[in-house]
Amino acid sequence: MRKSIIATLLSATMVSVPVTALSDTYFDLMGDADKAISEGKWLEAEKSLKDAMALDPENPSNILLMSNLGLVQFYLGQDSAAIATLSDAHKRAPVSVTVLKNRAEVYLALGRDSLAYNDYSKIIALDTTLIEPRYMHAVMSLRYGDYATAQNDCDALNRMSPGSDEANTAYGALYTATEQWEKAIPYYSELIKKKPSADLYSARAVCYLMTQKLNEASADIAAGLELDPDNGELYLYRGYLNKLRYRKDDARNDVRKAFELSEKE
């Protein structure tokens, strides 16, 4: 969102327009909008973007400005206006992945997941080399239980960026969702090596529990709780682990703790 409007224009990522074709005022307004966006001054950014488009309504660069305007309007709480602006931009430039990506992000934030998923589907059809949209498509495919599509997305991510966080996360989630616990473990392990977190330890702990690797599960639960002592999910898993180890009182206490933490959320 905060990427320089002018830099994007000059690099011609969306449209190719010679700088000389822009009036000084139009160019200055883009600069004003760019600065306002970088400072989070959304009202100023909105005004500069609208003024620039009003100054030269037929300028093809307005697609870029509309794409940014849609996100600015969303940050201002103008949800309907944001969708309308981005949809108008999409009609004018149906092959712009930038416009579709921005609209998908707004749809997601508004809880309109199916529409976001449609936009991500369009994006990856237009450009098969983009990692973030492919990753989002994989995650949402899993959410919808479309494991075949998720598998294709994971394989595509792995071809584009082998060993990347996106590929490892997607594969880990896929194999967890399909209860292929043993296959999921190496992907979580790679992620933990790079940047350990309570959520990752939790995800791998489940895999260890399901494959009866109780010592490994115990170590992950302990490591996760050290990072996040109030992680209710980890207490729940420790309760299950204690149950498997016939430590009924400890299991009961952990489950109680997990519910207490969930009520605080």
C-alpha atoms as a PDB file:
ATOM      1  CA  MET A   1       0.000   0.000   0.000  1.00  0.00           C
ATOM      2  CA  ARG A   2       2.759   2.421   0.916  1.00  0.00           C
ATOM      3  CA  LYS A   3       4.767   1.781  -2.220  1.00  0.00           C
ATOM      4  CA  SER A   4       5.562   5.043  -3.942  1.00  0.00           C
ATOM      5  CA  ILE A   5       2.920   5.947  -6.513  1.00  0.00           C
ATOM      6  CA  ILE A   6       5.441   7.880  -8.563  1.00  0.00           C
ATOM      7  CA  ALA A   7       8.042   5.110  -8.355  1.00  0.00           C
ATOM      8  CA  THR A   8       5.453   2.603  -9.499  1.00  0.00           C
ATOM      9  CA  LEU A   9       4.446   4.840 -12.372  1.00  0.00           C
ATOM     10  CA  LEU A  10       8.001   5.453 -13.485  1.00  0.00           C
ATOM     11  CA  SER A  11       8.822   1.746 -13.390  1.00  0.00           C
ATOM     12  CA  ALA A  12       5.711   1.154 -15.533  1.00  0.00           C
ATOM     13  CA  THR A  13       4.485  -1.779 -13.532  1.00  0.00           C
ATOM     14  CA  MET A  14       0.922  -1.062 -14.560  1.00  0.00           C
ATOM     15  CA  VAL A  15       0.949   1.281 -17.519  1.00  0.00           C
ATOM     16  CA  SER A  16       3.638   2.900 -19.599  1.00  0.00           C
ATOM     17  CA  VAL A  17       3.204   6.658 -19.685  1.00  0.00           C
ATOM     18  CA  PRO A  18       6.068   9.047 -20.496  1.00  0.00           C
ATOM     19  CA  VAL A  19       6.717  11.465 -17.664  1.00  0.00           C
ATOM     20  CA  THR A  20       6.645  14.282 -20.187  1.00  0.00           C
ATOM     21  CA  ALA A  21       2.993  13.470 -20.884  1.00  0.00           C
ATOM     22  CA  LEU A  22       2.038  14.423 -17.374  1.00  0.00           C
ATOM     23  CA  SER A  23       1.296  17.993 -16.496  1.00  0.00           C
ATOM     24  CA  ASP A  24       3.353  19.483 -13.711  1.00  0.00           C
ATOM     25  CA  THR A  25       0.256  19.852 -11.551  1.00  0.00           C
ATOM     26  CA  TYR A  26      -0.818  16.253 -12.097  1.00  0.00           C
ATOM     27  CA  PHE A  27       2.653  15.058 -11.238  1.00  0.00           C
ATOM     28  CA  ASP A  28       2.803  17.277  -8.152  1.00  0.00           C
ATOM     29  CA  LEU A  29      -0.530  15.937  -6.899  1.00  0.00           C
ATOM     30  CA  MET A  30       0.767  12.398  -7.203  1.00  0.00           C
ATOM     31  CA  GLY A  31       3.757  13.450  -5.169  1.00  0.00           C
ATOM     32  CA  ASP A  32       1.489  14.981  -2.535  1.00  0.00           C
ATOM     33  CA  ALA A  33      -0.563  11.788  -2.367  1.00  0.00           C
ATOM     34  CA  ASP A  34       2.570   9.704  -2.153  1.00  0.00           C
ATOM     35  CA  LYS A  35       3.842  11.726   0.785  1.00  0.00           C
ATOM     36  CA  ALA A  36       0.485  11.677   2.577  1.00  0.00           C
ATOM     37  CA  ILE A  37       0.228   7.901   2.200  1.00  0.00           C
ATOM     38  CA  SER A  38       3.726   7.386   3.601  1.00  0.00           C
ATOM     39  CA  GLU A  39       2.718   9.466   6.631  1.00  0.00           C
ATOM     40  CA  GLY A  40      -0.674   7.809   7.079  1.00  0.00           C
ATOM     41  CA  LYS A  41      -2.541  11.040   6.347  1.00  0.00           C
ATOM     42  CA  TRP A  42      -5.419   9.363   4.591  1.00  0.00           C
ATOM     43  CA  LEU A  43      -7.712  12.393   4.137  1.00  0.00           C
ATOM     44  CA  GLU A  44      -4.920  14.370   2.497  1.00  0.00           C
ATOM     45  CA  ALA A  45      -4.040  11.415   0.320  1.00  0.00           C
ATOM     46  CA  GLU A  46      -7.659  10.970  -0.747  1.00  0.00           C
ATOM     47  CA  LYS A  47      -7.948  14.630  -1.732  1.00  0.00           C
ATOM     48  CA  SER A  48      -4.709  14.650  -3.729  1.00  0.00           C
ATOM     49  CA  LEU A  49      -5.621  11.459  -5.586  1.00  0.00           C
ATOM     50  CA  LYS A  50      -9.097  12.721  -6.437  1.00  0.00           C
ATOM     51  CA  ASP A  51      -7.756  16.120  -7.508  1.00  0.00           C
ATOM     52  CA  ALA A  52      -5.209  14.496  -9.808  1.00  0.00           C
ATOM     53  CA  MET A  53      -7.839  12.326 -11.486  1.00  0.00           C
ATOM     54  CA  ALA A  54     -10.221  15.258 -11.840  1.00  0.00           C
ATOM     55  CA  LEU A  55      -7.458  17.288 -13.458  1.00  0.00           C
ATOM     56  CA  ASP A  56      -6.931  14.714 -16.215  1.00  0.00           C
ATOM     57  CA  PRO A  57      -9.822  12.205 -16.265  1.00  0.00           C
ATOM     58  CA  GLU A  58      -8.614  10.401 -19.383  1.00  0.00           C
ATOM     59  CA  ASN A  59      -5.064   9.833 -18.205  1.00  0.00           C
ATOM     60  CA  PRO A  60      -4.385   6.083 -18.221  1.00  0.00           C
ATOM     61  CA  SER A  61      -2.265   6.546 -15.089  1.00  0.00           C
ATOM     62  CA  ASN A  62      -5.509   7.081 -13.213  1.00  0.00           C
ATOM     63  CA  ILE A  63      -5.840   3.299 -12.897  1.00  0.00           C
ATOM     64  CA  LEU A  64      -2.866   3.340 -10.570  1.00  0.00           C
ATOM     65  CA  LEU A  65      -4.296   6.271  -8.645  1.00  0.00           C
ATOM     66  CA  MET A  66      -7.684   4.554  -8.340  1.00  0.00           C
ATOM     67  CA  SER A  67      -6.019   1.421  -7.019  1.00  0.00           C
ATOM     68  CA  ASN A  68      -4.344   3.431  -4.270  1.00  0.00           C
ATOM     69  CA  LEU A  69      -7.466   5.491  -3.654  1.00  0.00           C
ATOM     70  CA  GLY A  70      -9.453   2.336  -2.959  1.00  0.00           C
ATOM     71  CA  LEU A  71      -7.093   1.348  -0.160  1.00  0.00           C
ATOM     72  CA  VAL A  72      -6.980   4.890   1.206  1.00  0.00           C
ATOM     73  CA  GLN A  73     -10.776   4.923   1.360  1.00  0.00           C
ATOM     74  CA  PHE A  74     -10.720   1.583   3.162  1.00  0.00           C
ATOM     75  CA  TYR A  75      -8.312   2.968   5.758  1.00  0.00           C
ATOM     76  CA  LEU A  76     -10.699   5.875   6.195  1.00  0.00           C
ATOM     77  CA  GLY A  77     -13.511   3.450   6.973  1.00  0.00           C
ATOM     78  CA  GLN A  78     -15.257   4.082   3.659  1.00  0.00           C
ATOM     79  CA  ASP A  79     -15.762   0.397   2.902  1.00  0.00           C
ATOM     80  CA  SER A  80     -18.413   0.702   0.193  1.00  0.00           C
ATOM     81  CA  ALA A  81     -16.538   3.500  -1.550  1.00  0.00           C
ATOM     82  CA  ALA A  82     -13.328   1.477  -1.452  1.00  0.00           C
ATOM     83  CA  ILE A  83     -14.963  -1.532  -3.118  1.00  0.00           C
ATOM     84  CA  ALA A  84     -16.661   0.692  -5.690  1.00  0.00           C
ATOM     85  CA  THR A  85     -13.405   2.449  -6.562  1.00  0.00           C
ATOM     86  CA  LEU A  86     -11.433  -0.768  -6.891  1.00  0.00           C
ATOM     87  CA  SER A  87     -14.202  -2.443  -8.897  1.00  0.00           C
ATOM     88  CA  ASP A  88     -14.311   0.526 -11.258  1.00  0.00           C
ATOM     89  CA  ALA A  89     -10.543   0.306 -11.643  1.00  0.00           C
ATOM     90  CA  HIS A  90     -10.848  -3.400 -12.413  1.00  0.00           C
ATOM     91  CA  LYS A  91     -13.440  -2.723 -15.108  1.00  0.00           C
ATOM     92  CA  ARG A  92     -11.109  -0.211 -16.729  1.00  0.00           C
ATOM     93  CA  ALA A  93      -8.032  -2.416 -16.391  1.00  0.00           C
ATOM     94  CA  PRO A  94      -9.216  -6.041 -16.112  1.00  0.00           C
ATOM     95  CA  VAL A  95      -5.696  -7.478 -16.414  1.00  0.00           C
ATOM     96  CA  SER A  96      -4.171  -5.356 -13.651  1.00  0.00           C
ATOM     97  CA  VAL A  97      -3.089  -7.719 -10.893  1.00  0.00           C
ATOM     98  CA  THR A  98      -2.342  -4.741  -8.634  1.00  0.00           C
ATOM     99  CA  VAL A  99      -5.966  -3.655  -8.668  1.00  0.00           C
ATOM    100  CA  LEU A 100      -7.197  -7.200  -8.059  1.00  0.00           C
ATOM    101  CA  LYS A 101      -4.704  -7.716  -5.238  1.00  0.00           C
ATOM    102  CA  ASN A 102      -5.824  -4.535  -3.491  1.00  0.00           C
ATOM    103  CA  ARG A 103      -9.477  -5.465  -3.870  1.00  0.00           C
ATOM    104  CA  ALA A 104      -8.821  -8.969  -2.566  1.00  0.00           C
ATOM    105  CA  GLU A 105      -7.144  -7.528   0.529  1.00  0.00           C
ATOM    106  CA  VAL A 106     -10.125  -5.258   1.180  1.00  0.00           C
ATOM    107  CA  TYR A 107     -12.581  -8.114   0.676  1.00  0.00           C
ATOM    108  CA  LEU A 108     -10.624 -10.245   3.154  1.00  0.00           C
ATOM    109  CA  ALA A 109     -10.543  -7.485   5.743  1.00  0.00           C
ATOM    110  CA  LEU A 110     -14.313  -7.106   5.389  1.00  0.00           C
ATOM    111  CA  GLY A 111     -14.902 -10.844   5.804  1.00  0.00           C
ATOM    112  CA  ARG A 112     -16.035 -11.316   2.210  1.00  0.00           C
ATOM    113  CA  ASP A 113     -13.816 -14.328   1.720  1.00  0.00           C
ATOM    114  CA  SER A 114     -15.467 -15.856  -1.328  1.00  0.00           C
ATOM    115  CA  LEU A 115     -15.044 -12.628  -3.295  1.00  0.00           C
ATOM    116  CA  ALA A 116     -11.424 -12.363  -2.179  1.00  0.00           C
ATOM    117  CA  TYR A 117     -10.856 -15.952  -3.270  1.00  0.00           C
ATOM    118  CA  ASN A 118     -12.304 -15.167  -6.706  1.00  0.00           C
ATOM    119  CA  ASP A 119      -9.897 -12.254  -7.066  1.00  0.00           C
ATOM    120  CA  TYR A 120      -6.914 -14.365  -6.058  1.00  0.00           C
ATOM    121  CA  SER A 121      -8.024 -16.968  -8.608  1.00  0.00           C
ATOM    122  CA  LYS A 122      -8.044 -14.288 -11.289  1.00  0.00           C
ATOM    123  CA  ILE A 123      -4.628 -13.026 -10.239  1.00  0.00           C
ATOM    124  CA  ILE A 124      -2.880 -16.388 -10.448  1.00  0.00           C
ATOM    125  CA  ALA A 125      -4.520 -16.997 -13.818  1.00  0.00           C
ATOM    126  CA  LEU A 126      -3.148 -13.679 -15.081  1.00  0.00           C
ATOM    127  CA  ASP A 127       0.325 -14.109 -13.610  1.00  0.00           C
ATOM    128  CA  THR A 128       1.572 -17.537 -12.541  1.00  0.00           C
ATOM    129  CA  THR A 129       4.802 -16.126 -11.048  1.00  0.00           C
ATOM    130  CA  LEU A 130       3.344 -14.201  -8.104  1.00  0.00           C
ATOM    131  CA  ILE A 131       4.055 -15.786  -4.729  1.00  0.00           C
ATOM    132  CA  GLU A 132       1.798 -13.918  -2.287  1.00  0.00           C
ATOM    133  CA  PRO A 133      -1.471 -14.356  -4.257  1.00  0.00           C
ATOM    134  CA  ARG A 134      -0.659 -18.023  -4.838  1.00  0.00           C
ATOM    135  CA  TYR A 135      -0.021 -18.491  -1.124  1.00  0.00           C
ATOM    136  CA  MET A 136      -3.304 -16.804  -0.210  1.00  0.00           C
ATOM    137  CA  HIS A 137      -5.100 -18.961  -2.770  1.00  0.00           C
ATOM    138  CA  ALA A 138      -3.584 -22.082  -1.191  1.00  0.00           C
ATOM    139  CA  VAL A 139      -4.588 -21.069   2.325  1.00  0.00           C
ATOM    140  CA  MET A 140      -8.132 -20.230   1.281  1.00  0.00           C
ATOM    141  CA  SER A 141      -8.453 -23.448  -0.733  1.00  0.00           C
ATOM    142  CA  LEU A 142      -7.625 -25.341   2.458  1.00  0.00           C
ATOM    143  CA  ARG A 143     -10.262 -23.348   4.303  1.00  0.00           C
ATOM    144  CA  TYR A 144     -12.825 -24.444   1.727  1.00  0.00           C
ATOM    145  CA  GLY A 145     -11.661 -28.052   1.898  1.00  0.00           C
ATOM    146  CA  ASP A 146     -10.430 -28.046  -1.682  1.00  0.00           C
ATOM    147  CA  TYR A 147      -7.314 -30.090  -1.027  1.00  0.00           C
ATOM    148  CA  ALA A 148      -6.555 -30.822  -4.681  1.00  0.00           C
ATOM    149  CA  THR A 149      -6.360 -27.125  -5.512  1.00  0.00           C
ATOM    150  CA  ALA A 150      -4.344 -26.463  -2.362  1.00  0.00           C
ATOM    151  CA  GLN A 151      -1.890 -29.195  -3.383  1.00  0.00           C
ATOM    152  CA  ASN A 152      -1.489 -27.609  -6.820  1.00  0.00           C
ATOM    153  CA  ASP A 153      -0.901 -24.225  -5.199  1.00  0.00           C
ATOM    154  CA  CYS A 154       1.691 -25.679  -2.810  1.00  0.00           C
ATOM    155  CA  ASP A 155       3.522 -27.352  -5.684  1.00  0.00           C
ATOM    156  CA  ALA A 156       3.477 -24.091  -7.633  1.00  0.00           C
ATOM    157  CA  LEU A 157       4.908 -22.214  -4.638  1.00  0.00           C
ATOM    158  CA  ASN A 158       7.636 -24.804  -4.288  1.00  0.00           C
ATOM    159  CA  ARG A 159       8.572 -24.471  -7.953  1.00  0.00           C
ATOM    160  CA  MET A 160       8.669 -20.684  -7.740  1.00  0.00           C
ATOM    161  CA  SER A 161      10.409 -20.405  -4.394  1.00  0.00           C
ATOM    162  CA  PRO A 162      11.689 -23.713  -3.010  1.00  0.00           C
ATOM    163  CA  GLY A 163      12.062 -23.718   0.747  1.00  0.00           C
ATOM    164  CA  SER A 164      10.413 -20.323   1.147  1.00  0.00           C
ATOM    165  CA  ASP A 165       8.320 -19.502   4.191  1.00  0.00           C
ATOM    166  CA  GLU A 166       5.242 -19.396   1.981  1.00  0.00           C
ATOM    167  CA  ALA A 167       5.888 -22.853   0.539  1.00  0.00           C
ATOM    168  CA  ASN A 168       6.752 -24.383   3.914  1.00  0.00           C
ATOM    169  CA  THR A 169       3.729 -22.828   5.630  1.00  0.00           C
ATOM    170  CA  ALA A 170       1.367 -23.924   2.871  1.00  0.00           C
ATOM    171  CA  TYR A 171       2.688 -27.486   2.815  1.00  0.00           C
ATOM    172  CA  GLY A 172       2.582 -27.715   6.605  1.00  0.00           C
ATOM    173  CA  ALA A 173      -1.014 -26.523   6.656  1.00  0.00           C
ATOM    174  CA  LEU A 174      -2.009 -28.867   3.809  1.00  0.00           C
ATOM    175  CA  TYR A 175      -0.554 -31.971   5.411  1.00  0.00           C
ATOM    176  CA  THR A 176      -1.993 -31.043   8.800  1.00  0.00           C
ATOM    177  CA  ALA A 177      -5.449 -30.481   7.294  1.00  0.00           C
ATOM    178  CA  THR A 178      -5.290 -33.847   5.536  1.00  0.00           C
ATOM    179  CA  GLU A 179      -3.939 -35.547   8.684  1.00  0.00           C
ATOM    180  CA  GLN A 180      -0.644 -36.476   7.055  1.00  0.00           C
ATOM    181  CA  TRP A 181       1.138 -35.624  10.284  1.00  0.00           C
ATOM    182  CA  GLU A 182       4.508 -37.134   9.472  1.00  0.00           C
ATOM    183  CA  LYS A 183       4.745 -35.197   6.213  1.00  0.00           C
ATOM    184  CA  ALA A 184       3.900 -31.904   7.908  1.00  0.00           C
ATOM    185  CA  ILE A 185       6.663 -32.094  10.524  1.00  0.00           C
ATOM    186  CA  PRO A 186       9.669 -31.222   8.297  1.00  0.00           C
ATOM    187  CA  TYR A 187       7.961 -28.074   6.988  1.00  0.00           C
ATOM    188  CA  TYR A 188       7.209 -26.791  10.479  1.00  0.00           C
ATOM    189  CA  SER A 189      10.756 -27.654  11.496  1.00  0.00           C
ATOM    190  CA  GLU A 190      12.177 -25.503   8.711  1.00  0.00           C
ATOM    191  CA  LEU A 191       9.973 -22.595   9.735  1.00  0.00           C
ATOM    192  CA  ILE A 192      10.958 -22.971  13.375  1.00  0.00           C
ATOM    193  CA  LYS A 193      14.647 -22.909  12.440  1.00  0.00           C
ATOM    194  CA  LYS A 194      14.191 -19.513  10.797  1.00  0.00           C
ATOM    195  CA  LYS A 195      11.830 -17.868  13.248  1.00  0.00           C
ATOM    196  CA  PRO A 196      10.466 -19.880  16.171  1.00  0.00           C
ATOM    197  CA  SER A 197       7.057 -18.922  17.494  1.00  0.00           C
ATOM    198  CA  ALA A 198       4.494 -20.357  19.885  1.00  0.00           C
ATOM    199  CA  ASP A 199       2.100 -20.990  16.996  1.00  0.00           C
ATOM    200  CA  LEU A 200       4.682 -22.977  15.046  1.00  0.00           C
ATOM    201  CA  TYR A 201       5.656 -25.049  18.077  1.00  0.00           C
ATOM    202  CA  SER A 202       1.964 -25.655  18.652  1.00  0.00           C
ATOM    203  CA  ALA A 203       1.439 -26.806  15.064  1.00  0.00           C
ATOM    204  CA  ARG A 204       4.363 -29.207  15.207  1.00  0.00           C
ATOM    205  CA  ALA A 205       3.389 -30.447  18.681  1.00  0.00           C
ATOM    206  CA  VAL A 206       0.042 -31.619  17.282  1.00  0.00           C
ATOM    207  CA  CYS A 207       1.862 -33.597  14.605  1.00  0.00           C
ATOM    208  CA  TYR A 208       4.086 -35.183  17.210  1.00  0.00           C
ATOM    209  CA  LEU A 209       1.079 -36.024  19.393  1.00  0.00           C
ATOM    210  CA  MET A 210      -0.735 -37.633  16.491  1.00  0.00           C
ATOM    211  CA  THR A 211       2.313 -39.737  15.638  1.00  0.00           C
ATOM    212  CA  GLN A 212       2.835 -40.767  19.271  1.00  0.00           C
ATOM    213  CA  LYS A 213       6.147 -38.920  19.560  1.00  0.00           C
ATOM    214  CA  LEU A 214       5.357 -37.772  23.049  1.00  0.00           C
ATOM    215  CA  ASN A 215       8.804 -36.587  24.104  1.00  0.00           C
ATOM    216  CA  GLU A 216       9.091 -34.394  21.025  1.00  0.00           C
ATOM    217  CA  ALA A 217       5.582 -33.059  21.612  1.00  0.00           C
ATOM    218  CA  SER A 218       6.439 -32.270  25.212  1.00  0.00           C
ATOM    219  CA  ALA A 219       9.561 -30.363  24.150  1.00  0.00           C
ATOM    220  CA  ASP A 220       7.608 -28.306  21.614  1.00  0.00           C
ATOM    221  CA  ILE A 221       4.863 -27.480  24.103  1.00  0.00           C
ATOM    222  CA  ALA A 222       7.443 -26.350  26.641  1.00  0.00           C
ATOM    223  CA  ALA A 223       9.285 -24.249  24.070  1.00  0.00           C
ATOM    224  CA  GLY A 224       6.024 -22.677  22.912  1.00  0.00           C
ATOM    225  CA  LEU A 225       4.903 -21.814  26.433  1.00  0.00           C
ATOM    226  CA  GLU A 226       8.272 -20.230  27.111  1.00  0.00           C
ATOM    227  CA  LEU A 227       7.611 -17.874  24.201  1.00  0.00           C
ATOM    228  CA  ASP A 228       3.932 -17.343  25.049  1.00  0.00           C
ATOM    229  CA  PRO A 229       2.984 -18.364  28.616  1.00  0.00           C
ATOM    230  CA  ASP A 230      -0.671 -17.476  28.001  1.00  0.00           C
ATOM    231  CA  ASN A 231      -1.181 -19.627  24.930  1.00  0.00           C
ATOM    232  CA  GLY A 232      -4.356 -21.563  25.686  1.00  0.00           C
ATOM    233  CA  GLU A 233      -3.926 -23.912  22.748  1.00  0.00           C
ATOM    234  CA  LEU A 234      -0.608 -25.131  24.100  1.00  0.00           C
ATOM    235  CA  TYR A 235      -2.143 -25.798  27.518  1.00  0.00           C
ATOM    236  CA  LEU A 236      -4.848 -27.822  25.802  1.00  0.00           C
ATOM    237  CA  TYR A 237      -2.254 -29.914  24.004  1.00  0.00           C
ATOM    238  CA  ARG A 238      -0.285 -30.370  27.207  1.00  0.00           C
ATOM    239  CA  GLY A 239      -3.489 -31.558  28.840  1.00  0.00           C
ATOM    240  CA  TYR A 240      -3.916 -34.144  26.106  1.00  0.00           C
ATOM    241  CA  LEU A 241      -0.279 -35.159  26.479  1.00  0.00           C
ATOM    242  CA  ASN A 242      -0.690 -35.584  30.235  1.00  0.00           C
ATOM    243  CA  LYS A 243      -3.782 -37.683  29.632  1.00  0.00           C
ATOM    244  CA  LEU A 244      -1.772 -39.989  27.356  1.00  0.00           C
ATOM    245  CA  ARG A 245       0.791 -40.253  30.129  1.00  0.00           C
ATOM    246  CA  TYR A 246      -1.947 -41.114  32.670  1.00  0.00           C
ATOM    247  CA  ARG A 247      -1.356 -37.919  34.646  1.00  0.00           C
ATOM    248  CA  LYS A 248      -5.031 -37.204  35.135  1.00  0.00           C
ATOM    249  CA  ASP A 249      -4.760 -34.356  37.634  1.00  0.00           C
ATOM    250  CA  ASP A 250      -2.208 -32.509  35.521  1.00  0.00           C
ATOM    251  CA  ALA A 251      -4.347 -33.064  32.442  1.00  0.00           C
ATOM    252  CA  ARG A 252      -7.415 -31.673  34.215  1.00  0.00           C
ATOM    253  CA  ASN A 253      -5.506 -28.594  35.400  1.00  0.00           C
ATOM    254  CA  ASP A 254      -4.132 -27.890  31.937  1.00  0.00           C
ATOM    255  CA  VAL A 255      -7.542 -28.144  30.291  1.00  0.00           C
ATOM    256  CA  ARG A 256      -8.996 -25.842  32.949  1.00  0.00           C
ATOM    257  CA  LYS A 257      -6.180 -23.361  32.293  1.00  0.00           C
ATOM    258  CA  ALA A 258      -6.823 -23.531  28.544  1.00  0.00           C
ATOM    259  CA  PHE A 259     -10.505 -22.666  29.014  1.00  0.00           C
ATOM    260  CA  GLU A 260      -9.693 -19.829  31.406  1.00  0.00           C
ATOM    261  CA  LEU A 261      -7.346 -18.288  28.858  1.00  0.00           C
ATOM    262  CA  SER A 262      -9.880 -18.713  26.045  1.00  0.00           C
ATOM    263  CA  GLU A 263     -12.488 -16.802  28.067  1.00  0.00           C
ATOM    264  CA  LYS A 264     -10.111 -13.859  28.394  1.00  0.00           C
ATOM    265  CA  GLU A 265      -9.720 -13.496  24.641  1.00  0.00           C
END
